[in-house]
Amino acid sequence: MTGENTDTLVNKRDSAHGYFSYELVHTCKQTGARAGILKTPHGDILTPIFMPVGTNSAVKMLVSDQIADTGAQIILANSYHLYLRAGTKLIKKFGGIHEWMNWHKPVLTDSGGFQVFSLAHLRKITEDGVEFRDPKDGQKHFISPEISMEIQQDIGADIIMAFDECAPYPCDYDTAKAAMERTHRWLERCFRAKTNPRQALFPIVQGAFYDDLRKESARVISGYDAVGYAIGGVSVGEPADIKNHFVRLTAPLLPENKPRYLMGVGTPEDLLDGVKNGIDMFDCVLPTRNARHGSFFTWEGKKIIKNKAFWDDENPLDENCNCYTCRNHSRAYIRHLFRCQEATAATLLSIHNIQFLVDFSQRCREAILNDRFGDFYNMNYNNFVKG
């Protein structure tokens, strides 16, 4: 960093370090998988951790007490959606997202970059930012790195994400390189615009599906002394083996003493692969989306509640699960509700699916602490893939 001026040096360190810290507690001798503790203003997070997604400041089908009862330590909300509705100034008026939704554990907000860039026919990217139209009412909006920081600071999440450009899959090299370089320029602007020390800003690795670009992006974002770092631009339609290759390539390039967040990934097999490759944090909408379509996680793989085999099944969804649903209801009852299109079925399945993944991440942690994550991986991986 020789030759950089004082302002640049200051902007490369997140002032949130006074309110956040990460301790790498143990690295598994079998695999290198990690167990840690991320301390935040709203509580500690034991990693590896699965984070349920509450896109519109609500995890679908559940109220905050039900989310808390699953053991969730942190949830996500999406700044793009909250900016459009209800409006982040309104959330700020209510004291921020924790008071707004009566959730007093940590919250992470996605910058909205992925959502904006997925609107290919409704947006225009420039160096200043992105102009786009709301797909619901056609109204024109503009988000820049500075506006993204303002939006996320109004929301008041503990962890906020840098505004980045997510390249599609597949894309050519020049497109991937241009998106990555713009992401890096925008990152500098995000750090300059962020002013709240009680929020941690995570930079994001981009570079699409090119080894040299991923390496370059990891090098650039690691130059910022952030609380944690994220890997973005995966789970965008690529095959699982390609995704795993780039996670395996990228994760070790990020600082060892900081949490690593793999964005938008969260099936049991994804968690196993990610943890094995040094990832600490995961999120995904699948637990509640699957629930609304009648599927649920078990230690034998994913199952479908509407299957006729469950019509008189007295067993819980999973005999090894201690969630509210499994403690109180049978597969037969939940199947009946689902076939009658009762919303309660989706609620019960959502509770189970979220707690299953939260518990699963903590089982991964236990295996890491006991230096047996490799055994845990080998014992369970095929069940989830076949399921």
Protein backbone atom coordinates (compact mmCIF):
# COMPACT_ATOMS: atom_id res chain seq x y z
CA MET A 1 0.00 0.00 0.00
CA THR A 2 3.06 2.22 -0.38
CA GLY A 3 2.29 5.56 -1.99
CA GLU A 4 -1.40 5.65 -1.02
CA ASN A 5 -2.62 8.80 0.65
CA THR A 6 -4.02 8.91 4.18
CA ASP A 7 -7.65 9.18 3.05
CA THR A 8 -7.35 5.99 1.01
CA LEU A 9 -5.73 4.14 3.88
CA VAL A 10 -8.54 5.18 6.21
CA ASN A 11 -11.18 4.12 3.72
CA LYS A 12 -9.63 0.66 3.40
CA ARG A 13 -10.40 -0.11 7.05
CA ASP A 14 -13.99 -0.54 8.19
CA SER A 15 -14.68 1.49 11.33
CA ALA A 16 -17.02 -1.33 12.42
CA HIS A 17 -14.08 -3.21 13.95
CA GLY A 18 -14.91 -1.54 17.25
CA TYR A 19 -18.30 -3.30 17.34
CA PHE A 20 -17.53 -6.56 15.53
CA SER A 21 -14.92 -9.27 15.92
CA TYR A 22 -14.32 -12.77 14.64
CA GLU A 23 -12.54 -15.58 16.45
CA LEU A 24 -11.45 -18.64 14.50
CA VAL A 25 -12.01 -21.20 17.23
CA HIS A 26 -10.87 -24.38 15.50
CA THR A 27 -9.84 -25.77 12.13
CA CYS A 28 -10.67 -29.43 11.49
CA LYS A 29 -7.53 -31.53 11.11
CA GLN A 30 -9.25 -33.83 8.61
CA THR A 31 -10.46 -31.22 6.13
CA GLY A 32 -9.57 -27.65 7.09
CA ALA A 33 -13.24 -26.83 7.78
CA ARG A 34 -13.62 -23.93 10.23
CA ALA A 35 -15.58 -23.19 13.40
CA GLY A 36 -15.68 -19.63 14.69
CA ILE A 37 -17.58 -16.93 16.56
CA LEU A 38 -18.66 -13.68 14.88
CA LYS A 39 -19.51 -11.06 17.50
CA THR A 40 -22.03 -8.37 16.45
CA PRO A 41 -23.95 -5.59 18.25
CA HIS A 42 -27.03 -7.83 18.33
CA GLY A 43 -25.38 -11.03 19.52
CA ASP A 44 -22.81 -13.70 18.74
CA ILE A 45 -23.04 -16.00 15.71
CA LEU A 46 -21.54 -19.48 15.97
CA THR A 47 -20.16 -20.50 12.58
CA PRO A 48 -20.60 -22.30 10.29
CA ILE A 49 -24.15 -20.98 10.15
CA PHE A 50 -27.17 -21.14 7.87
CA MET A 51 -29.10 -17.85 7.65
CA PRO A 52 -32.83 -17.89 6.75
CA VAL A 53 -33.95 -15.29 4.23
CA GLY A 54 -36.64 -12.74 5.04
CA THR A 55 -36.69 -10.88 1.72
CA ASN A 56 -39.38 -8.33 2.61
CA SER A 57 -38.41 -8.17 6.33
CA ALA A 58 -40.37 -11.36 6.99
CA VAL A 59 -39.40 -15.01 6.60
CA LYS A 60 -42.33 -16.28 4.54
CA MET A 61 -45.14 -17.94 6.51
CA LEU A 62 -43.49 -17.29 9.91
CA VAL A 63 -43.59 -14.65 12.64
CA SER A 64 -40.48 -13.59 14.53
CA ASP A 65 -41.08 -15.86 17.53
CA GLN A 66 -41.37 -18.87 15.23
CA ILE A 67 -38.10 -17.93 13.53
CA ALA A 68 -36.38 -17.56 16.89
CA ASP A 69 -37.71 -20.95 18.01
CA THR A 70 -35.88 -22.61 15.09
CA GLY A 71 -32.60 -21.53 16.64
CA ALA A 72 -31.81 -19.10 13.82
CA GLN A 73 -28.97 -16.81 14.93
CA ILE A 74 -29.20 -14.29 12.07
CA ILE A 75 -31.61 -13.60 9.20
CA LEU A 76 -31.38 -11.78 5.88
CA ALA A 77 -33.47 -9.04 4.37
CA ASN A 78 -33.14 -7.54 0.90
CA SER A 79 -32.52 -3.84 0.49
CA TYR A 80 -33.79 -3.78 -3.11
CA HIS A 81 -37.23 -5.04 -2.10
CA LEU A 82 -37.41 -2.91 1.07
CA TYR A 83 -36.36 0.18 -0.88
CA LEU A 84 -39.29 -0.35 -3.26
CA ARG A 85 -41.76 -1.39 -0.55
CA ALA A 86 -42.27 -0.32 2.31
CA GLY A 87 -39.54 2.26 1.76
CA THR A 88 -36.38 2.42 3.83
CA LYS A 89 -37.11 5.87 5.24
CA LEU A 90 -40.23 4.39 6.86
CA ILE A 91 -38.18 1.54 8.34
CA LYS A 92 -35.68 4.08 9.67
CA LYS A 93 -38.55 6.05 11.24
CA PHE A 94 -39.51 2.92 13.19
CA GLY A 95 -35.98 2.60 14.57
CA GLY A 96 -34.51 0.30 11.94
CA ILE A 97 -35.24 -3.24 10.90
CA HIS A 98 -34.83 -4.81 14.33
CA GLU A 99 -37.67 -2.72 15.77
CA TRP A 100 -39.62 -2.77 12.50
CA MET A 101 -39.95 -6.56 12.48
CA ASN A 102 -39.44 -7.21 16.21
CA TRP A 103 -36.31 -9.30 15.63
CA HIS A 104 -33.49 -8.52 18.03
CA LYS A 105 -30.79 -10.85 16.80
CA PRO A 106 -28.38 -9.96 13.97
CA VAL A 107 -29.64 -9.05 10.49
CA LEU A 108 -27.77 -8.98 7.18
CA THR A 109 -28.97 -7.04 4.14
CA ASP A 110 -28.11 -7.89 0.55
CA SER A 111 -27.24 -4.74 -1.40
CA GLY A 112 -29.82 -5.52 -4.07
CA GLY A 113 -27.17 -5.86 -6.76
CA PHE A 114 -28.23 -9.36 -7.74
CA GLN A 115 -31.91 -8.38 -7.98
CA VAL A 116 -31.15 -5.29 -10.05
CA PHE A 117 -28.86 -7.08 -12.46
CA SER A 118 -31.36 -9.92 -12.93
CA LEU A 119 -33.73 -7.35 -14.49
CA ALA A 120 -31.81 -7.52 -17.76
CA HIS A 121 -34.56 -5.98 -19.92
CA LEU A 122 -35.48 -3.34 -17.32
CA ARG A 123 -32.13 -1.84 -16.33
CA LYS A 124 -29.22 0.18 -17.67
CA ILE A 125 -25.75 -0.07 -16.11
CA THR A 126 -23.37 2.90 -16.14
CA GLU A 127 -20.29 3.76 -14.12
CA ASP A 128 -22.48 5.93 -11.88
CA GLY A 129 -24.84 3.09 -10.97
CA VAL A 130 -27.89 1.28 -12.28
CA GLU A 131 -31.11 2.76 -13.61
CA PHE A 132 -34.00 0.29 -13.56
CA ARG A 133 -37.78 0.04 -13.64
CA ASP A 134 -39.83 -1.59 -10.93
CA PRO A 135 -41.22 -4.70 -12.65
CA LYS A 136 -44.50 -4.30 -10.74
CA ASP A 137 -45.45 -0.71 -11.58
CA GLY A 138 -42.88 0.38 -14.19
CA GLN A 139 -41.62 3.29 -12.08
CA LYS A 140 -38.02 4.34 -12.80
CA HIS A 141 -35.37 4.13 -10.04
CA PHE A 142 -31.62 4.61 -9.73
CA ILE A 143 -29.20 2.95 -7.30
CA SER A 144 -25.53 3.84 -7.05
CA PRO A 145 -22.98 2.53 -4.53
CA GLU A 146 -23.63 5.63 -2.43
CA ILE A 147 -27.41 5.20 -2.58
CA SER A 148 -27.05 1.50 -1.73
CA MET A 149 -25.11 2.45 1.40
CA GLU A 150 -27.75 5.04 2.31
CA ILE A 151 -30.52 2.45 1.83
CA GLN A 152 -28.77 -0.15 3.96
CA GLN A 153 -27.86 2.33 6.66
CA ASP A 154 -31.50 3.44 6.83
CA ILE A 155 -32.54 -0.20 7.22
CA GLY A 156 -30.02 -0.60 10.03
CA ALA A 157 -28.83 -4.17 9.50
CA ASP A 158 -25.75 -5.36 11.37
CA ILE A 159 -24.00 -6.62 8.23
CA ILE A 160 -24.42 -4.82 4.91
CA MET A 161 -23.14 -5.83 1.50
CA ALA A 162 -21.18 -3.88 -1.07
CA PHE A 163 -23.04 -2.89 -4.24
CA ASP A 164 -21.63 -5.15 -6.94
CA GLU A 165 -22.26 -6.23 -10.52
CA CYS A 166 -23.14 -9.91 -10.79
CA ALA A 167 -22.24 -11.29 -14.23
CA PRO A 168 -24.60 -13.90 -15.68
CA TYR A 169 -23.88 -17.56 -16.36
CA PRO A 170 -22.60 -18.16 -18.92
CA CYS A 171 -20.82 -15.00 -20.06
CA ASP A 172 -17.73 -14.21 -22.10
CA TYR A 173 -14.44 -13.21 -20.52
CA ASP A 174 -14.64 -9.52 -21.41
CA THR A 175 -18.11 -9.21 -19.87
CA ALA A 176 -16.95 -10.95 -16.69
CA LYS A 177 -13.82 -8.80 -16.44
CA ALA A 178 -15.71 -5.55 -16.94
CA ALA A 179 -18.27 -6.47 -14.28
CA MET A 180 -15.52 -7.45 -11.83
CA GLU A 181 -13.56 -4.25 -12.36
CA ARG A 182 -16.67 -2.11 -11.93
CA THR A 183 -17.44 -4.04 -8.73
CA HIS A 184 -13.99 -3.10 -7.42
CA ARG A 185 -14.42 0.58 -8.28
CA TRP A 186 -17.85 0.58 -6.66
CA LEU A 187 -16.41 -1.07 -3.56
CA GLU A 188 -14.15 1.92 -2.94
CA ARG A 189 -17.18 4.18 -3.24
CA CYS A 190 -19.15 1.99 -0.81
CA PHE A 191 -16.43 2.27 1.83
CA ARG A 192 -16.28 6.04 1.38
CA ALA A 193 -20.07 6.37 1.68
CA LYS A 194 -20.53 4.10 4.70
CA THR A 195 -20.60 6.14 7.93
CA ASN A 196 -22.25 3.95 10.61
CA PRO A 197 -19.60 2.10 12.67
CA ARG A 198 -22.26 -0.23 14.09
CA GLN A 199 -22.65 -1.81 10.64
CA ALA A 200 -20.05 -4.07 9.03
CA LEU A 201 -19.56 -3.80 5.25
CA PHE A 202 -18.63 -7.06 3.50
CA PRO A 203 -16.87 -6.78 0.11
CA ILE A 204 -17.86 -9.36 -2.53
CA VAL A 205 -15.67 -11.47 -4.81
CA GLN A 206 -16.85 -11.46 -8.42
CA GLY A 207 -15.18 -12.65 -11.64
CA ALA A 208 -17.83 -15.04 -12.96
CA PHE A 209 -16.38 -18.43 -13.94
CA TYR A 210 -12.79 -17.59 -14.82
CA ASP A 211 -9.99 -18.66 -12.50
CA ASP A 212 -7.74 -15.67 -13.04
CA LEU A 213 -10.58 -13.18 -12.50
CA ARG A 214 -11.66 -14.85 -9.26
CA LYS A 215 -8.08 -14.78 -8.00
CA GLU A 216 -7.73 -11.12 -8.94
CA SER A 217 -11.01 -10.18 -7.28
CA ALA A 218 -10.11 -12.03 -4.07
CA ARG A 219 -6.78 -10.19 -4.01
CA VAL A 220 -8.39 -6.77 -4.50
CA ILE A 221 -11.15 -7.11 -1.91
CA SER A 222 -8.72 -8.60 0.62
CA GLY A 223 -6.89 -5.27 0.44
CA TYR A 224 -9.78 -3.81 2.46
CA ASP A 225 -9.62 -4.45 6.19
CA ALA A 226 -13.25 -5.55 6.43
CA VAL A 227 -15.03 -7.48 9.18
CA GLY A 228 -15.81 -10.27 6.70
CA TYR A 229 -15.83 -11.14 3.00
CA ALA A 230 -18.34 -12.70 0.62
CA ILE A 231 -18.20 -14.84 -2.50
CA GLY A 232 -20.88 -13.76 -4.95
CA GLY A 233 -21.81 -14.62 -8.50
CA VAL A 234 -22.44 -18.33 -7.86
CA SER A 235 -25.69 -20.29 -7.76
CA VAL A 236 -26.76 -18.34 -10.87
CA GLY A 237 -27.55 -21.38 -13.01
CA GLU A 238 -24.16 -23.06 -13.22
CA PRO A 239 -23.71 -26.83 -12.61
CA ALA A 240 -22.79 -27.86 -9.07
CA ASP A 241 -19.30 -29.06 -10.02
CA ILE A 242 -18.46 -25.64 -11.52
CA LYS A 243 -19.80 -23.84 -8.45
CA ASN A 244 -17.78 -26.08 -6.14
CA HIS A 245 -14.62 -25.53 -8.18
CA PHE A 246 -14.83 -21.77 -7.80
CA VAL A 247 -15.67 -21.93 -4.10
CA ARG A 248 -12.73 -24.28 -3.58
CA LEU A 249 -10.51 -21.91 -5.59
CA THR A 250 -11.64 -18.67 -3.97
CA ALA A 251 -12.23 -19.32 -0.26
CA PRO A 252 -8.57 -19.98 0.68
CA LEU A 253 -7.58 -16.69 -0.98
CA LEU A 254 -9.63 -14.67 1.53
CA PRO A 255 -8.20 -13.67 4.93
CA GLU A 256 -8.08 -16.63 7.28
CA ASN A 257 -8.96 -14.60 10.36
CA LYS A 258 -12.24 -13.24 8.94
CA PRO A 259 -15.63 -14.91 8.23
CA ARG A 260 -16.31 -16.06 4.67
CA TYR A 261 -19.87 -15.84 3.34
CA LEU A 262 -21.07 -17.83 0.31
CA MET A 263 -24.08 -15.94 -1.02
CA GLY A 264 -27.33 -17.60 -2.09
CA VAL A 265 -26.32 -21.19 -1.33
CA GLY A 266 -28.06 -23.45 1.17
CA THR A 267 -29.03 -27.05 0.45
CA PRO A 268 -27.59 -29.63 2.86
CA GLU A 269 -25.14 -30.83 0.22
CA ASP A 270 -24.18 -27.21 -0.50
CA LEU A 271 -23.44 -26.68 3.18
CA LEU A 272 -21.31 -29.81 3.29
CA ASP A 273 -19.29 -28.78 0.25
CA GLY A 274 -19.00 -25.17 1.38
CA VAL A 275 -17.92 -25.98 4.93
CA LYS A 276 -15.39 -28.48 3.61
CA ASN A 277 -13.92 -25.69 1.47
CA GLY A 278 -13.64 -23.16 4.31
CA ILE A 279 -16.97 -21.28 4.13
CA ASP A 280 -18.52 -19.98 7.36
CA MET A 281 -21.86 -18.39 6.40
CA PHE A 282 -24.65 -19.46 4.03
CA ASP A 283 -28.10 -18.21 3.05
CA CYS A 284 -30.84 -19.43 0.74
CA VAL A 285 -34.58 -19.04 0.15
CA LEU A 286 -34.99 -22.79 -0.47
CA PRO A 287 -36.23 -23.86 3.00
CA THR A 288 -39.42 -21.79 2.74
CA ARG A 289 -39.76 -22.05 -1.05
CA ASN A 290 -39.53 -25.83 -0.85
CA ALA A 291 -42.03 -25.83 2.00
CA ARG A 292 -44.60 -23.95 -0.06
CA HIS A 293 -44.22 -26.62 -2.73
CA GLY A 294 -44.52 -29.46 -0.23
CA SER A 295 -40.95 -30.72 0.08
CA PHE A 296 -38.98 -31.15 3.28
CA PHE A 297 -35.46 -32.06 4.37
CA THR A 298 -34.58 -35.27 6.18
CA TRP A 299 -31.33 -37.03 7.00
CA GLU A 300 -32.24 -39.46 4.21
CA GLY A 301 -32.62 -36.68 1.65
CA LYS A 302 -35.45 -34.44 0.46
CA LYS A 303 -39.00 -35.85 0.49
CA ILE A 304 -42.38 -34.70 -0.86
CA ILE A 305 -45.24 -34.49 1.64
CA LYS A 306 -47.99 -35.08 -0.95
CA ASN A 307 -46.68 -38.57 -1.71
CA LYS A 308 -49.36 -41.18 -1.09
CA ALA A 309 -47.01 -43.18 1.14
CA PHE A 310 -47.50 -40.54 3.86
CA TRP A 311 -51.31 -40.59 3.91
CA ASP A 312 -51.44 -42.58 7.20
CA ASP A 313 -47.84 -42.10 8.36
CA GLU A 314 -47.76 -41.47 12.12
CA ASN A 315 -44.08 -40.46 12.13
CA PRO A 316 -42.75 -36.89 12.31
CA LEU A 317 -41.17 -35.37 9.22
CA ASP A 318 -37.78 -36.51 10.54
CA GLU A 319 -37.27 -38.63 13.62
CA ASN A 320 -33.98 -36.90 14.43
CA CYS A 321 -35.47 -33.38 14.35
CA ASN A 322 -36.64 -31.54 17.45
CA CYS A 323 -38.47 -28.66 15.74
CA TYR A 324 -42.02 -27.65 16.72
CA THR A 325 -43.47 -29.46 13.72
CA CYS A 326 -41.72 -32.75 14.43
CA ARG A 327 -42.55 -32.60 18.13
CA ASN A 328 -46.25 -32.05 17.53
CA HIS A 329 -47.48 -33.34 14.17
CA SER A 330 -47.41 -36.39 11.95
CA ARG A 331 -46.60 -36.66 8.28
CA ALA A 332 -50.20 -37.78 7.69
CA TYR A 333 -51.62 -34.62 9.30
CA ILE A 334 -49.33 -32.28 7.38
CA ARG A 335 -50.08 -34.12 4.13
CA HIS A 336 -53.79 -33.66 4.81
CA LEU A 337 -53.30 -29.90 5.35
CA PHE A 338 -51.20 -29.58 2.20
CA ARG A 339 -53.75 -31.42 0.05
CA CYS A 340 -56.50 -29.18 1.45
CA GLN A 341 -54.38 -26.13 0.57
CA GLU A 342 -54.26 -25.01 4.18
CA ALA A 343 -51.57 -22.35 4.70
CA THR A 344 -50.67 -24.01 7.99
CA ALA A 345 -49.01 -26.80 6.01
CA ALA A 346 -46.50 -24.36 4.53
CA THR A 347 -45.88 -22.87 7.97
CA LEU A 348 -45.20 -26.26 9.54
CA LEU A 349 -42.94 -27.34 6.69
CA SER A 350 -41.10 -23.99 6.78
CA ILE A 351 -40.44 -24.31 10.51
CA HIS A 352 -39.02 -27.77 9.94
CA ASN A 353 -36.90 -26.91 6.90
CA ILE A 354 -35.34 -23.86 8.54
CA GLN A 355 -34.58 -25.62 11.81
CA PHE A 356 -33.22 -28.61 9.91
CA LEU A 357 -30.62 -26.44 8.16
CA VAL A 358 -29.84 -24.38 11.27
CA ASP A 359 -29.33 -27.60 13.25
CA PHE A 360 -27.40 -29.12 10.36
CA SER A 361 -24.93 -26.22 10.34
CA GLN A 362 -24.39 -26.66 14.07
CA ARG A 363 -23.86 -30.40 13.59
CA CYS A 364 -21.18 -29.43 11.08
CA ARG A 365 -19.65 -27.18 13.75
CA GLU A 366 -19.68 -29.98 16.31
CA ALA A 367 -17.93 -32.30 13.86
CA ILE A 368 -15.29 -29.63 13.14
CA LEU A 369 -14.60 -29.08 16.84
CA ASN A 370 -14.11 -32.85 17.22
CA ASP A 371 -11.82 -33.08 14.16
CA ARG A 372 -14.20 -35.42 12.37
CA PHE A 373 -15.84 -33.25 9.71
CA GLY A 374 -14.41 -35.48 6.97
CA ASP A 375 -16.21 -38.47 8.50
CA PHE A 376 -19.40 -36.42 8.88
CA TYR A 377 -19.18 -35.33 5.23
CA ASN A 378 -18.64 -38.88 3.94
CA MET A 379 -21.40 -40.28 6.13
CA ASN A 380 -24.08 -37.85 4.92
CA TYR A 381 -23.26 -36.42 1.50
CA ASN A 382 -24.62 -39.22 -0.68
CA ASN A 383 -27.93 -39.29 1.22
CA PHE A 384 -28.65 -35.68 0.31
CA VAL A 385 -27.50 -35.95 -3.30
CA LYS A 386 -29.54 -39.10 -3.93
CA GLY A 387 -32.50 -37.64 -2.05
